């Protein structure tokens, strides 16, 4: 259908000011509905052309601004300086190790609410830190440094027992790897903060590229992590087999093999021991494949036992003395000292 006549329609598209000072497309004008609009004709002032250039190339005169898609997490990581990649991967690696530890502890029913809650909280904190550090902000490196340092300081006192228990094929390699990864995050975050002036992590080679001393440092940490994993996975099985062949009377009281599992048939063997005051010296020997403690219920003593370790204590008074293992509270024992 062809229209023979189109009635001009007057429109007002701008505020009231002198016509001579108004841009052409804001002036009172006669515009026919079937003719190109001022925008289509190109009657656009110079200071509007930049905005129009960013408009989506769709239907003419659509006026829809371009909204380019934000770069994906993977693209951000690949384009980031080396120190950003290192901190990000260190935090993600630590989270994976902690999740494995949670599964391992849950599988042997040794996961208490406190431990599970603490590890879950730090997993969340490290995931947030990994995402924040991709923004390449100074405060994000500070966040990563503080959160990693807090757990290292809390976990540090127990790392010696973990290292001394390679026979336990689960928590040893994963705990070792998580600890080293957090130390790596601390070192790299600290370097980024020290050289943060004018975003030095983008200009200094050892922070901006892996082909530098920074890459060598990262390689050293990766080697330490892999070494711990290999030792734990390969040597752990051998040590466990040796421990299973040991007799149960290694000392006056022996920590039975498999005591870390609450489903085990024995823990402290014997669970109750009777002695006289004249012979009240007791020796505990750890025959399990991971560390334990001999902790008095009244707090009078608290001794850690590494794999194969032993400890001797002499009671000086008659009475009944109850004790337990701190990390494995289902392990309980009693010493009865008679006159």
Protein backbone atom coordinates (compact mmCIF):
# COMPACT_ATOMS: atom_id res chain seq x y z
CA UNK A 1 0.00 0.00 0.00
CA UNK A 2 1.43 3.38 -1.04
CA UNK A 3 0.50 6.50 0.83
CA UNK A 4 -0.23 9.49 -1.41
CA UNK A 5 0.11 12.06 1.28
CA UNK A 6 1.94 12.30 4.59
CA UNK A 7 1.03 15.05 6.99
CA UNK A 8 4.07 16.79 8.49
CA UNK A 9 4.26 16.47 12.25
CA UNK A 10 5.99 19.09 14.34
CA UNK A 11 7.99 17.77 17.27
CA UNK A 12 9.94 19.48 20.05
CA UNK A 13 13.01 17.56 21.17
CA UNK A 14 14.93 19.94 23.37
CA UNK A 15 14.82 22.64 26.06
CA UNK A 16 13.85 26.18 25.35
CA UNK A 17 16.79 28.33 24.27
CA UNK A 18 17.75 30.42 21.26
CA UNK A 19 17.36 28.48 17.99
CA UNK A 20 20.68 29.73 16.74
CA UNK A 21 22.44 28.17 19.77
CA UNK A 22 20.66 24.85 19.68
CA UNK A 23 22.14 21.82 17.93
CA UNK A 24 20.45 21.17 14.66
CA UNK A 25 18.70 17.99 15.73
CA UNK A 26 17.30 19.73 18.85
CA UNK A 27 15.68 22.61 16.95
CA UNK A 28 11.97 22.88 16.15
CA UNK A 29 11.60 21.19 12.81
CA UNK A 30 9.15 19.54 10.50
CA UNK A 31 9.85 15.83 10.36
CA UNK A 32 7.88 13.52 8.16
CA UNK A 33 7.39 10.10 9.64
CA UNK A 34 8.38 8.32 6.40
CA UNK A 35 11.64 10.27 5.99
CA UNK A 36 15.03 9.54 7.57
CA UNK A 37 15.46 11.01 11.03
CA UNK A 38 18.15 13.61 11.82
CA UNK A 39 20.28 10.85 13.37
CA UNK A 40 20.00 8.75 10.23
CA UNK A 41 20.95 11.72 8.05
CA UNK A 42 24.05 12.31 10.11
CA UNK A 43 23.00 15.65 11.59
CA UNK A 44 24.87 15.00 14.81
CA UNK A 45 27.06 17.52 16.66
CA UNK A 46 30.74 16.70 17.05
CA UNK A 47 30.47 16.05 20.79
CA UNK A 48 27.78 13.38 20.25
CA UNK A 49 29.64 11.40 17.61
CA UNK A 50 31.76 9.47 20.14
CA UNK A 51 28.68 8.24 21.94
CA UNK A 52 26.96 7.26 18.73
CA UNK A 53 30.08 5.42 17.58
CA UNK A 54 29.65 3.12 20.58
CA UNK A 55 26.08 2.25 19.74
CA UNK A 56 25.22 -1.29 18.83
CA UNK A 57 25.20 -1.82 15.03
CA UNK A 58 21.64 -3.08 14.90
CA UNK A 59 18.56 -1.48 13.37
CA UNK A 60 19.35 2.11 12.42
CA UNK A 61 18.50 4.70 15.02
CA UNK A 62 17.89 1.95 17.61
CA UNK A 63 19.82 3.90 20.24
CA UNK A 64 20.90 0.71 22.02
CA UNK A 65 24.35 1.24 23.68
CA UNK A 66 26.99 -1.40 23.27
CA UNK A 67 27.64 -3.55 26.30
CA UNK A 68 30.71 -5.63 25.52
CA UNK A 69 30.87 -8.85 27.49
CA UNK A 70 33.17 -8.75 30.52
CA UNK A 71 36.33 -10.85 30.15
CA UNK A 72 36.01 -14.33 31.58
CA UNK A 73 37.86 -15.43 34.71
CA UNK A 74 40.17 -17.56 32.57
CA UNK A 75 41.05 -14.64 30.27
CA UNK A 76 41.74 -12.41 33.27
CA UNK A 77 44.06 -15.04 34.70
CA UNK A 78 45.96 -15.54 31.43
CA UNK A 79 46.45 -11.81 30.87
CA UNK A 80 47.41 -11.05 34.48
CA UNK A 81 51.00 -10.49 35.69
CA UNK A 82 52.83 -13.54 36.96
CA UNK A 83 52.52 -12.63 40.65
CA UNK A 84 48.73 -12.43 40.29
CA UNK A 85 48.66 -15.85 38.65
CA UNK A 86 50.90 -17.26 41.38
CA UNK A 87 48.78 -15.99 44.27
CA UNK A 88 45.56 -17.05 42.56
CA UNK A 89 46.78 -20.61 41.87
CA UNK A 90 48.33 -20.88 45.35
CA UNK A 91 45.03 -20.03 47.02
CA UNK A 92 43.02 -22.34 44.76
CA UNK A 93 45.52 -25.15 45.39
CA UNK A 94 45.23 -24.69 49.16
CA UNK A 95 41.44 -24.83 48.90
CA UNK A 96 41.62 -28.11 46.97
CA UNK A 97 43.96 -29.61 49.59
CA UNK A 98 41.64 -28.57 52.42
CA UNK A 99 38.65 -30.09 50.66
CA UNK A 100 40.56 -33.37 50.28
CA UNK A 101 41.44 -33.27 53.99
CA UNK A 102 37.77 -32.76 54.87
CA UNK A 103 36.79 -35.76 52.76
CA UNK A 104 39.55 -37.89 54.28
CA UNK A 105 38.59 -37.02 57.86
CA UNK A 106 34.91 -37.56 57.11
CA UNK A 107 35.64 -40.96 55.55
CA UNK A 108 37.11 -42.24 58.83
CA UNK A 109 34.52 -40.38 60.93
CA UNK A 110 37.22 -38.23 62.48
CA UNK A 111 35.79 -34.88 61.37
CA UNK A 112 34.58 -32.89 64.36
CA UNK A 113 32.39 -29.77 63.89
CA UNK A 114 35.14 -27.38 64.99
CA UNK A 115 37.69 -28.66 62.50
CA UNK A 116 35.15 -28.92 59.71
CA UNK A 117 33.82 -25.42 60.35
CA UNK A 118 37.30 -23.87 60.51
CA UNK A 119 38.50 -25.50 57.30
CA UNK A 120 35.26 -24.61 55.54
CA UNK A 121 35.60 -20.98 56.63
CA UNK A 122 39.15 -20.70 55.36
CA UNK A 123 38.19 -22.36 52.08
CA UNK A 124 35.60 -19.63 51.57
CA UNK A 125 38.07 -16.89 52.54
CA UNK A 126 40.67 -18.19 50.10
CA UNK A 127 38.18 -18.48 47.25
CA UNK A 128 37.19 -14.85 47.80
CA UNK A 129 40.86 -13.87 47.95
CA UNK A 130 41.61 -15.67 44.67
CA UNK A 131 38.85 -13.76 42.90
CA UNK A 132 39.81 -10.42 44.45
CA UNK A 133 43.47 -10.70 43.51
CA UNK A 134 42.51 -10.89 39.83
CA UNK A 135 41.44 -7.27 40.16
CA UNK A 136 45.14 -6.42 40.69
CA UNK A 137 44.51 -4.11 43.62
CA UNK A 138 47.03 -3.53 46.37
CA UNK A 139 44.53 -4.25 49.12
CA UNK A 140 43.68 -7.60 47.51
CA UNK A 141 47.28 -8.75 48.00
CA UNK A 142 47.03 -7.57 51.61
CA UNK A 143 43.87 -9.63 52.08
CA UNK A 144 45.58 -12.74 50.69
CA UNK A 145 48.64 -12.18 52.86
CA UNK A 146 46.68 -11.79 56.09
CA UNK A 147 44.29 -14.72 55.57
CA UNK A 148 47.14 -17.06 54.62
CA UNK A 149 49.32 -15.87 57.50
CA UNK A 150 46.56 -16.42 60.07
CA UNK A 151 46.11 -20.08 59.16
CA UNK A 152 49.86 -20.71 58.92
CA UNK A 153 50.34 -19.30 62.43
CA UNK A 154 47.47 -21.40 63.77
CA UNK A 155 48.54 -24.51 61.90
CA UNK A 156 52.31 -24.11 62.30
CA UNK A 157 52.62 -25.75 65.75
CA UNK A 158 51.13 -28.96 64.37
CA UNK A 159 53.15 -29.18 61.15
CA UNK A 160 56.04 -30.90 62.96
CA UNK A 161 53.76 -33.77 63.95
CA UNK A 162 52.40 -33.97 60.41
CA UNK A 163 55.90 -34.14 58.92
CA UNK A 164 56.82 -36.81 61.45
CA UNK A 165 53.85 -38.95 60.39
CA UNK A 166 54.47 -39.80 56.71
CA UNK A 167 53.01 -43.24 57.29
CA UNK A 168 49.53 -41.81 57.25
CA UNK A 169 48.86 -41.65 53.50
CA UNK A 170 45.94 -39.21 53.75
CA UNK A 171 46.50 -36.06 55.85
CA UNK A 172 50.28 -36.11 55.54
CA UNK A 173 50.64 -35.27 51.82
CA UNK A 174 47.60 -32.99 51.63
CA UNK A 175 48.39 -31.14 54.85
CA UNK A 176 51.99 -30.68 53.77
CA UNK A 177 50.93 -29.40 50.35
CA UNK A 178 48.40 -26.96 51.82
CA UNK A 179 50.96 -25.60 54.28
CA UNK A 180 53.61 -25.01 51.59
CA UNK A 181 51.09 -23.44 49.23
CA UNK A 182 50.04 -20.96 51.91
CA UNK A 183 53.68 -20.08 52.60
CA UNK A 184 54.07 -19.47 48.85
CA UNK A 185 51.02 -17.19 48.85
CA UNK A 186 52.48 -15.24 51.77
CA UNK A 187 55.82 -14.76 50.00
CA UNK A 188 54.32 -13.67 46.67
CA UNK A 189 51.73 -11.39 48.27
CA UNK A 190 54.42 -9.76 50.36
CA UNK A 191 56.57 -9.14 47.29
CA UNK A 192 53.61 -7.61 45.48
CA UNK A 193 52.97 -5.27 48.41
CA UNK A 194 56.61 -4.27 48.77
CA UNK A 195 56.82 -3.33 45.10
CA UNK A 196 53.26 -2.02 44.80
CA UNK A 197 54.28 1.59 44.05
CA UNK A 198 53.03 2.45 40.56
CA UNK A 199 51.81 -1.14 40.26
CA UNK A 200 55.33 -2.51 40.25
CA UNK A 201 54.01 -6.05 39.77
CA UNK A 202 53.34 -5.07 36.14
CA UNK A 203 56.77 -3.58 35.41
CA UNK A 204 59.29 -5.57 37.44
CA UNK A 205 60.26 -8.74 35.55
CA UNK A 206 60.39 -11.07 38.56
CA UNK A 207 56.76 -10.18 39.34
CA UNK A 208 55.35 -9.69 35.87
CA UNK A 209 56.63 -12.78 34.05
CA UNK A 210 57.37 -16.40 34.87
CA UNK A 211 60.61 -16.23 32.86
CA UNK A 212 62.42 -14.61 35.77
CA UNK A 213 63.68 -15.19 39.30
CA UNK A 214 60.06 -15.14 40.41
CA UNK A 215 59.37 -18.13 38.18
CA UNK A 216 62.36 -19.95 39.66
CA UNK A 217 61.05 -19.27 43.17
CA UNK A 218 57.65 -20.63 42.19
CA UNK A 219 59.31 -23.72 40.76
CA UNK A 220 61.08 -24.37 44.06
CA UNK A 221 57.78 -24.25 45.95
CA UNK A 222 56.11 -26.51 43.41
CA UNK A 223 58.95 -29.00 43.82
CA UNK A 224 58.55 -29.00 47.60
CA UNK A 225 54.82 -29.58 47.27
CA UNK A 226 55.27 -32.43 44.80
CA UNK A 227 58.00 -33.96 46.94
CA UNK A 228 55.69 -34.08 49.95
CA UNK A 229 52.89 -35.60 47.90
CA UNK A 230 55.17 -38.27 46.45
CA UNK A 231 56.67 -39.18 49.83
CA UNK A 232 53.25 -39.36 51.43
CA UNK A 233 51.68 -41.46 48.69
CA UNK A 234 54.58 -43.85 48.07
CA UNK A 235 56.36 -44.12 51.41
CA UNK A 236 53.15 -43.96 53.41
CA UNK A 237 52.00 -47.38 52.27
CA UNK A 238 55.37 -48.96 53.06
CA UNK A 239 55.52 -47.45 56.55
CA UNK A 240 51.96 -48.56 57.24
CA UNK A 241 52.75 -52.15 56.29
CA UNK A 242 55.76 -52.15 58.62
CA UNK A 243 53.68 -50.81 61.50
CA UNK A 244 51.01 -53.45 61.06
CA UNK A 245 53.59 -56.17 61.73
CA UNK A 246 54.71 -54.63 65.04
CA UNK A 247 53.67 -56.36 68.29
CA UNK A 248 51.14 -54.68 70.56
CA UNK A 249 53.44 -54.68 73.59
CA UNK A 250 55.99 -52.14 72.38
CA UNK A 251 55.71 -50.38 75.73
CA UNK A 252 53.65 -50.51 78.89
CA UNK A 253 50.91 -48.90 76.80
CA UNK A 254 50.91 -49.05 73.01
CA UNK A 255 48.93 -46.82 70.69
CA UNK A 256 47.34 -49.47 68.48
CA UNK A 257 47.62 -49.31 64.72
CA UNK A 258 44.57 -47.62 63.18
CA UNK A 259 43.67 -45.71 66.35
CA UNK A 260 42.87 -42.60 64.33
CA UNK A 261 39.80 -44.40 63.04
CA UNK A 262 37.00 -44.35 65.64
CA UNK A 263 35.80 -47.68 64.23
CA UNK A 264 39.06 -49.36 65.22
CA UNK A 265 38.81 -52.22 67.71
CA UNK A 266 41.57 -50.89 70.00
CA UNK A 267 43.22 -47.59 70.78
CA UNK A 268 45.44 -47.50 73.89
CA UNK A 269 46.46 -51.09 74.59
CA UNK A 270 45.81 -51.97 77.28
CA UNK A 271 43.07 -49.42 77.87
CA UNK A 272 43.42 -49.79 81.64
CA UNK A 273 46.70 -50.59 83.36
CA UNK A 274 47.21 -51.36 87.07
CA UNK A 275 50.53 -50.64 88.75
CA UNK A 276 51.83 -50.26 92.27
CA UNK A 277 53.29 -47.04 93.56
CA UNK A 278 56.74 -48.61 93.64
CA UNK A 279 56.48 -49.43 89.90
CA UNK A 280 54.45 -46.46 88.73
CA UNK A 281 56.61 -45.58 85.72
CA UNK A 282 54.64 -45.96 82.49
CA UNK A 283 55.98 -45.80 78.93
CA UNK A 284 53.69 -45.07 76.01
CA UNK A 285 54.79 -46.03 72.48
CA UNK A 286 53.04 -44.91 69.32
CA UNK A 287 52.56 -47.93 67.08
CA UNK A 288 50.16 -46.12 64.74
CA UNK A 289 50.96 -44.49 61.41
CA UNK A 290 50.21 -40.96 62.57
CA UNK A 291 50.79 -38.73 65.55
CA UNK A 292 48.82 -38.88 68.80
CA UNK A 293 48.96 -37.35 72.25
CA UNK A 294 48.88 -38.61 75.81
CA UNK A 295 46.90 -35.93 77.59
CA UNK A 296 45.77 -36.16 81.21
CA UNK A 297 42.12 -35.34 81.79
CA UNK A 298 43.16 -33.12 84.71
CA UNK A 299 45.71 -31.30 82.54
CA UNK A 300 48.74 -32.47 84.53
CA UNK A 301 50.55 -33.65 81.38
CA UNK A 302 50.17 -33.39 77.63
CA UNK A 303 52.73 -35.11 75.45
CA UNK A 304 52.77 -35.57 71.66
CA UNK A 305 53.82 -38.91 70.21
CA UNK A 306 55.13 -38.98 66.65
CA UNK A 307 55.09 -42.20 64.64
CA UNK A 308 57.25 -44.67 66.53
CA UNK A 309 57.78 -42.16 69.34
CA UNK A 310 57.62 -42.92 73.03
CA UNK A 311 57.17 -41.05 76.29
CA UNK A 312 57.66 -42.09 79.91
CA UNK A 313 55.92 -40.69 82.96
CA UNK A 314 56.22 -41.58 86.66
CA UNK A 315 53.24 -41.28 88.97
CA UNK A 316 54.11 -40.24 92.52
CA UNK A 317 50.74 -40.73 94.20
CA UNK A 318 48.16 -43.44 94.34
CA UNK A 319 44.92 -42.90 92.50
CA UNK A 320 43.11 -43.30 89.21
CA UNK A 321 44.44 -41.26 86.30
CA UNK A 322 42.41 -40.89 83.12
CA UNK A 323 43.94 -39.63 79.89
CA UNK A 324 43.02 -39.26 76.23
CA UNK A 325 44.33 -38.26 72.80
CA UNK A 326 43.56 -34.63 71.99
CA UNK A 327 43.07 -34.89 68.20
CA UNK A 328 41.24 -38.22 68.60
CA UNK A 329 39.01 -37.85 71.67
CA UNK A 330 37.59 -41.37 71.32
CA UNK A 331 41.01 -42.66 72.37
CA UNK A 332 40.87 -42.96 76.17
CA UNK A 333 42.94 -44.78 78.73
CA UNK A 334 43.28 -45.19 82.48
CA UNK A 335 46.21 -45.75 84.83
CA UNK A 336 45.39 -47.08 88.31
CA UNK A 337 48.16 -46.66 90.87
CA UNK A 338 47.76 -48.77 93.99
CA UNK A 339 49.76 -48.62 97.26
